N, C-alpha and C. Protein backbone atom coordinates (compact mmCIF):
# COMPACT_ATOMS: atom_id res chain seq x y z
N MET A 1 -10.29 -0.52 46.61
CA MET A 1 -9.47 -0.73 45.44
C MET A 1 -8.85 0.61 45.08
N ARG A 2 -7.57 0.53 44.82
CA ARG A 2 -6.81 1.79 44.44
C ARG A 2 -6.79 1.98 42.94
N ASP A 3 -6.84 3.23 42.56
CA ASP A 3 -6.65 3.57 41.16
C ASP A 3 -5.20 3.85 40.89
N LEU A 4 -4.51 3.00 40.19
CA LEU A 4 -3.12 3.22 39.83
C LEU A 4 -3.06 3.74 38.43
N PRO A 5 -2.14 4.63 38.17
CA PRO A 5 -1.99 5.11 36.85
C PRO A 5 -1.45 4.00 35.94
N LEU A 6 -1.97 3.95 34.69
CA LEU A 6 -1.44 2.97 33.78
C LEU A 6 -0.03 3.34 33.35
N ALA A 7 0.70 2.30 33.08
CA ALA A 7 2.05 2.52 32.53
C ALA A 7 1.93 3.07 31.10
N PRO A 8 2.85 3.97 30.74
CA PRO A 8 2.78 4.49 29.39
C PRO A 8 2.94 3.38 28.34
N THR A 9 2.14 3.42 27.34
CA THR A 9 2.20 2.39 26.29
C THR A 9 3.32 2.87 25.30
N PRO A 10 4.27 2.01 25.08
CA PRO A 10 5.33 2.38 24.13
C PRO A 10 4.78 2.51 22.72
N GLN A 11 5.19 3.53 22.02
CA GLN A 11 4.75 3.79 20.67
C GLN A 11 5.49 2.87 19.74
N PRO A 12 4.84 2.24 18.76
CA PRO A 12 5.59 1.42 17.76
C PRO A 12 6.51 2.21 16.92
N LYS A 13 7.62 1.59 16.59
CA LYS A 13 8.62 2.29 15.77
C LYS A 13 7.99 2.49 14.33
N PRO A 14 8.27 3.68 13.75
CA PRO A 14 7.74 3.84 12.36
C PRO A 14 8.44 2.89 11.45
N ILE A 15 7.69 2.53 10.45
CA ILE A 15 8.20 1.63 9.42
C ILE A 15 8.94 2.48 8.41
N GLN A 16 10.18 2.01 8.07
CA GLN A 16 10.99 2.85 7.19
C GLN A 16 10.38 2.64 5.78
N ASP A 17 10.22 3.78 5.06
CA ASP A 17 9.67 3.77 3.75
C ASP A 17 10.74 3.21 2.83
N SER A 18 10.30 2.29 2.00
CA SER A 18 11.27 1.61 1.11
C SER A 18 11.27 2.22 -0.28
N THR A 19 10.65 3.35 -0.50
CA THR A 19 10.64 3.89 -1.89
C THR A 19 12.05 4.33 -2.27
N GLY A 20 12.82 4.84 -1.43
CA GLY A 20 14.28 5.25 -1.77
C GLY A 20 15.07 3.99 -2.16
N PHE A 21 14.84 2.84 -1.53
CA PHE A 21 15.53 1.66 -1.88
C PHE A 21 15.19 1.26 -3.34
N TYR A 22 13.95 1.31 -3.70
CA TYR A 22 13.52 0.90 -5.03
C TYR A 22 13.93 1.98 -6.08
N LYS A 23 14.05 3.22 -5.70
CA LYS A 23 14.53 4.19 -6.66
C LYS A 23 16.01 3.88 -6.98
N LYS A 24 16.80 3.47 -5.99
CA LYS A 24 18.20 3.17 -6.20
C LYS A 24 18.26 1.90 -7.09
N GLU A 25 17.34 0.95 -6.89
CA GLU A 25 17.31 -0.31 -7.64
C GLU A 25 17.05 0.04 -9.15
N VAL A 26 16.17 1.00 -9.41
CA VAL A 26 15.84 1.40 -10.79
C VAL A 26 17.09 2.03 -11.42
N LYS A 27 17.73 2.92 -10.66
CA LYS A 27 18.89 3.61 -11.18
C LYS A 27 19.98 2.62 -11.54
N LYS A 28 20.19 1.62 -10.64
CA LYS A 28 21.20 0.61 -10.88
C LYS A 28 20.84 -0.29 -12.06
N ALA A 29 19.52 -0.59 -12.19
CA ALA A 29 19.13 -1.43 -13.36
C ALA A 29 19.33 -0.66 -14.66
N VAL A 30 19.07 0.66 -14.69
CA VAL A 30 19.19 1.47 -15.87
C VAL A 30 20.68 1.53 -16.23
N LYS A 31 21.55 1.71 -15.24
CA LYS A 31 22.99 1.70 -15.52
C LYS A 31 23.46 0.40 -16.09
N ASN A 32 23.02 -0.67 -15.43
CA ASN A 32 23.42 -2.02 -15.96
C ASN A 32 22.92 -2.26 -17.40
N LEU A 33 21.72 -1.81 -17.66
CA LEU A 33 21.19 -1.95 -19.02
C LEU A 33 22.03 -1.11 -20.04
N ALA A 34 22.38 0.11 -19.63
CA ALA A 34 23.23 0.91 -20.52
C ALA A 34 24.59 0.33 -20.72
N ASP A 35 25.16 -0.29 -19.58
CA ASP A 35 26.48 -0.80 -19.67
C ASP A 35 26.49 -2.14 -20.50
N SER A 36 25.35 -2.84 -20.53
CA SER A 36 25.32 -4.11 -21.24
C SER A 36 25.05 -3.96 -22.73
N TYR A 37 24.61 -2.77 -23.15
CA TYR A 37 24.30 -2.51 -24.53
C TYR A 37 25.61 -2.34 -25.31
N GLN A 38 25.76 -3.21 -26.32
CA GLN A 38 27.04 -3.21 -27.14
C GLN A 38 26.67 -3.05 -28.65
N GLY A 39 25.56 -2.57 -28.96
CA GLY A 39 25.17 -2.43 -30.33
C GLY A 39 23.81 -3.01 -30.65
N PRO A 40 23.38 -2.93 -31.91
CA PRO A 40 22.04 -3.38 -32.31
C PRO A 40 21.82 -4.88 -32.05
N SER A 41 22.89 -5.66 -32.13
CA SER A 41 22.75 -7.09 -31.98
C SER A 41 22.96 -7.64 -30.55
N SER A 42 23.19 -6.71 -29.63
CA SER A 42 23.55 -7.15 -28.26
C SER A 42 22.40 -7.82 -27.50
N SER A 43 22.63 -8.69 -26.61
CA SER A 43 21.60 -9.37 -25.79
C SER A 43 21.49 -8.60 -24.45
N THR A 44 20.43 -7.89 -24.26
CA THR A 44 20.28 -7.13 -23.04
C THR A 44 19.07 -7.57 -22.28
N SER A 45 18.62 -8.78 -22.50
CA SER A 45 17.40 -9.31 -21.91
C SER A 45 17.43 -9.42 -20.37
N LEU A 46 18.57 -9.84 -19.80
CA LEU A 46 18.73 -9.97 -18.35
C LEU A 46 18.68 -8.58 -17.69
N ALA A 47 19.39 -7.61 -18.20
CA ALA A 47 19.37 -6.31 -17.67
C ALA A 47 18.01 -5.66 -17.84
N SER A 48 17.37 -5.88 -18.98
CA SER A 48 16.01 -5.27 -19.15
C SER A 48 14.94 -5.90 -18.22
N ASN A 49 15.13 -7.20 -17.96
CA ASN A 49 14.22 -7.91 -17.00
C ASN A 49 14.37 -7.29 -15.62
N LYS A 50 15.61 -7.03 -15.21
CA LYS A 50 15.87 -6.47 -13.88
C LYS A 50 15.29 -5.03 -13.84
N LEU A 51 15.38 -4.29 -14.93
CA LEU A 51 14.86 -3.01 -14.97
C LEU A 51 13.30 -3.02 -14.78
N ALA A 52 12.71 -4.01 -15.47
CA ALA A 52 11.25 -4.16 -15.46
C ALA A 52 10.78 -4.49 -14.10
N VAL A 53 11.47 -5.32 -13.36
CA VAL A 53 11.13 -5.72 -11.98
C VAL A 53 11.28 -4.52 -11.04
N ALA A 54 12.37 -3.84 -11.23
CA ALA A 54 12.65 -2.66 -10.42
C ALA A 54 11.57 -1.57 -10.56
N ASN A 55 11.12 -1.35 -11.84
CA ASN A 55 10.04 -0.39 -12.08
C ASN A 55 8.73 -0.78 -11.47
N LYS A 56 8.47 -2.13 -11.55
CA LYS A 56 7.23 -2.70 -10.97
C LYS A 56 7.21 -2.42 -9.49
N ASN A 57 8.36 -2.66 -8.84
CA ASN A 57 8.38 -2.49 -7.35
C ASN A 57 8.27 -1.04 -6.98
N LEU A 58 8.85 -0.15 -7.80
CA LEU A 58 8.77 1.28 -7.45
C LEU A 58 7.29 1.81 -7.71
N LYS A 59 6.58 1.30 -8.70
CA LYS A 59 5.17 1.68 -8.94
C LYS A 59 4.34 1.16 -7.78
N ARG A 60 4.68 0.05 -7.25
CA ARG A 60 3.87 -0.60 -6.15
C ARG A 60 3.94 0.32 -4.89
N GLN A 61 5.00 1.04 -4.68
CA GLN A 61 5.15 1.90 -3.51
C GLN A 61 4.01 2.93 -3.39
N ALA A 62 3.59 3.36 -4.52
CA ALA A 62 2.51 4.43 -4.55
C ALA A 62 1.14 3.81 -4.08
N LEU A 63 1.02 2.49 -4.12
CA LEU A 63 -0.25 1.99 -3.73
C LEU A 63 -0.35 1.54 -2.30
N LYS A 64 0.74 1.74 -1.48
CA LYS A 64 0.78 1.38 -0.06
C LYS A 64 -0.41 1.99 0.69
N GLY A 65 -1.14 1.11 1.35
CA GLY A 65 -2.18 1.53 2.26
C GLY A 65 -3.49 2.01 1.59
N LYS A 66 -3.51 2.06 0.31
CA LYS A 66 -4.72 2.53 -0.36
C LYS A 66 -5.77 1.41 -0.35
N PRO A 67 -7.05 1.73 -0.56
CA PRO A 67 -8.09 0.72 -0.48
C PRO A 67 -7.82 -0.36 -1.45
N GLY A 68 -7.86 -1.64 -1.01
CA GLY A 68 -7.63 -2.81 -1.88
C GLY A 68 -6.18 -3.21 -1.87
N TYR A 69 -5.29 -2.48 -1.20
CA TYR A 69 -3.85 -2.79 -1.19
C TYR A 69 -3.37 -2.87 0.29
N ASP A 70 -2.37 -3.73 0.49
CA ASP A 70 -1.89 -3.87 1.89
C ASP A 70 -0.84 -2.81 2.12
N ALA A 71 -0.14 -2.91 3.27
CA ALA A 71 0.85 -1.95 3.64
C ALA A 71 2.15 -1.99 2.82
N MET A 72 2.28 -3.05 2.06
CA MET A 72 3.46 -3.15 1.19
C MET A 72 3.16 -2.75 -0.27
N GLY A 73 1.85 -2.48 -0.55
CA GLY A 73 1.49 -2.07 -1.87
C GLY A 73 0.98 -3.20 -2.80
N PHE A 74 0.90 -4.43 -2.19
CA PHE A 74 0.38 -5.57 -2.94
C PHE A 74 -1.09 -5.56 -2.88
N LYS A 75 -1.73 -6.08 -3.95
CA LYS A 75 -3.20 -6.18 -4.01
C LYS A 75 -3.65 -7.21 -2.97
N LYS A 76 -4.72 -6.85 -2.20
CA LYS A 76 -5.24 -7.81 -1.18
C LYS A 76 -6.03 -8.87 -1.96
N PRO A 77 -6.00 -10.06 -1.46
CA PRO A 77 -6.77 -11.15 -2.09
C PRO A 77 -8.24 -10.99 -1.93
C-alpha cells in the first residue's frame, strides 16, 4: 500500500462581521427619528420603534460566540 499525501483541505471563508451594518442601521434610524420630529405633538413612534430594533441588533453583536449565545448573538435555547 502506498502512502499518498492528502490533498490540502480548503480553509473556510471567514464570516463577515455584521457589526458595521448594524451601526449604519442605528445611524439611519436616529436620522429618521430626528427628521420625523416636528414638535411636541408629533408622532414619532414608527421611527422610534426602528431605532429600538436597530439598537437591540447592535447590542446583540457583542454577545456573538459567548457562552450561552450562538454565532449570531442570539441566546441558545
